[in-house]
Amino acid sequence: MAKAQSFVDKVRKAEQRGKGPFMVQVIKGYRSERGTIRFLKRFVRVNDVSELDTLDITKDGQ
């Protein structure tokens, strides 16, 4: 079955209701020193959907 609503659709709907900032989970893949693929997961508060393209997370946890 096809998914009826995407994440971006949910975010836009929340913006229209005026709920203000919301939390999103950013997942970033990188290669470890041993050559394996690892993933970083961080929850980040954003005010607008356009901020999703410019988010940057690091291994330092900041």
C-alpha atoms as a PDB file:
ATOM      1  CA  MET A   1       0.000   0.000   0.000  1.00  0.00           C
ATOM      2  CA  ALA A   2       1.194   3.482  -0.817  1.00  0.00           C
ATOM      3  CA  LYS A   3       1.871   5.893   1.986  1.00  0.00           C
ATOM      4  CA  ALA A   4      -0.909   8.464   2.123  1.00  0.00           C
ATOM      5  CA  GLN A   5       1.095  11.290   3.662  1.00  0.00           C
ATOM      6  CA  SER A   6       4.804  12.123   3.525  1.00  0.00           C
ATOM      7  CA  PHE A   7       6.849  13.698   6.310  1.00  0.00           C
ATOM      8  CA  VAL A   8       7.035  17.027   4.467  1.00  0.00           C
ATOM      9  CA  ASP A   9       3.242  17.040   4.110  1.00  0.00           C
ATOM     10  CA  LYS A  10       2.905  16.572   7.885  1.00  0.00           C
ATOM     11  CA  VAL A  11       5.356  19.401   8.552  1.00  0.00           C
ATOM     12  CA  ARG A  12       3.545  21.774   6.213  1.00  0.00           C
ATOM     13  CA  LYS A  13       0.230  20.910   7.840  1.00  0.00           C
ATOM     14  CA  ALA A  14       1.699  21.651  11.280  1.00  0.00           C
ATOM     15  CA  GLU A  15       3.010  24.984  10.011  1.00  0.00           C
ATOM     16  CA  GLN A  16      -0.412  25.954   8.722  1.00  0.00           C
ATOM     17  CA  ARG A  17      -1.888  25.307  12.157  1.00  0.00           C
ATOM     18  CA  GLY A  18       0.651  27.711  13.650  1.00  0.00           C
ATOM     19  CA  LYS A  19       2.258  25.315  16.120  1.00  0.00           C
ATOM     20  CA  GLY A  20       5.619  27.078  15.789  1.00  0.00           C
ATOM     21  CA  PRO A  21       8.933  25.212  15.976  1.00  0.00           C
ATOM     22  CA  PHE A  22       8.948  21.438  15.765  1.00  0.00           C
ATOM     23  CA  MET A  23      11.440  18.620  16.263  1.00  0.00           C
ATOM     24  CA  VAL A  24      12.877  16.528  13.426  1.00  0.00           C
ATOM     25  CA  GLN A  25      15.347  13.654  13.490  1.00  0.00           C
ATOM     26  CA  VAL A  26      18.400  14.149  11.267  1.00  0.00           C
ATOM     27  CA  ILE A  27      20.306  11.027  10.205  1.00  0.00           C
ATOM     28  CA  LYS A  28      23.754  11.371   8.635  1.00  0.00           C
ATOM     29  CA  GLY A  29      25.914   8.553   7.290  1.00  0.00           C
ATOM     30  CA  TYR A  30      29.729   8.595   7.391  1.00  0.00           C
ATOM     31  CA  ARG A  31      32.659   6.188   7.027  1.00  0.00           C
ATOM     32  CA  SER A  32      34.449   5.197  10.222  1.00  0.00           C
ATOM     33  CA  GLU A  33      38.213   4.855  10.544  1.00  0.00           C
ATOM     34  CA  ARG A  34      37.859   1.110   9.864  1.00  0.00           C
ATOM     35  CA  GLY A  35      35.931   1.790   6.630  1.00  0.00           C
ATOM     36  CA  THR A  36      32.487   0.746   7.817  1.00  0.00           C
ATOM     37  CA  ILE A  37      29.441   2.938   7.394  1.00  0.00           C
ATOM     38  CA  ARG A  38      28.131   4.503  10.614  1.00  0.00           C
ATOM     39  CA  PHE A  39      25.114   6.716  11.215  1.00  0.00           C
ATOM     40  CA  LEU A  40      24.574   9.748  13.445  1.00  0.00           C
ATOM     41  CA  LYS A  41      21.058  10.472  14.687  1.00  0.00           C
ATOM     42  CA  ARG A  42      20.136  13.809  16.266  1.00  0.00           C
ATOM     43  CA  PHE A  43      16.855  15.491  17.099  1.00  0.00           C
ATOM     44  CA  VAL A  44      16.894  19.121  15.987  1.00  0.00           C
ATOM     45  CA  ARG A  45      14.334  21.891  16.480  1.00  0.00           C
ATOM     46  CA  VAL A  46      13.480  23.775  13.263  1.00  0.00           C
ATOM     47  CA  ASN A  47      11.163  26.683  12.602  1.00  0.00           C
ATOM     48  CA  ASP A  48      10.614  26.182   8.875  1.00  0.00           C
ATOM     49  CA  VAL A  49      10.679  23.342   6.330  1.00  0.00           C
ATOM     50  CA  SER A  50      13.320  25.202   4.295  1.00  0.00           C
ATOM     51  CA  GLU A  51      15.796  24.745   7.180  1.00  0.00           C
ATOM     52  CA  LEU A  52      15.848  20.968   6.616  1.00  0.00           C
ATOM     53  CA  ASP A  53      18.216  21.314   3.630  1.00  0.00           C
ATOM     54  CA  THR A  54      20.757  23.396   5.564  1.00  0.00           C
ATOM     55  CA  LEU A  55      20.996  21.325   8.762  1.00  0.00           C
ATOM     56  CA  ASP A  56      24.466  20.053   9.627  1.00  0.00           C
ATOM     57  CA  ILE A  57      25.286  17.622  12.425  1.00  0.00           C
ATOM     58  CA  THR A  58      28.744  16.483  13.520  1.00  0.00           C
ATOM     59  CA  LYS A  59      30.207  13.532  15.393  1.00  0.00           C
ATOM     60  CA  ASP A  60      31.017  15.832  18.338  1.00  0.00           C
ATOM     61  CA  GLY A  61      27.365  15.785  19.431  1.00  0.00           C
ATOM     62  CA  GLN A  62      26.879  19.523  19.048  1.00  0.00           C
END
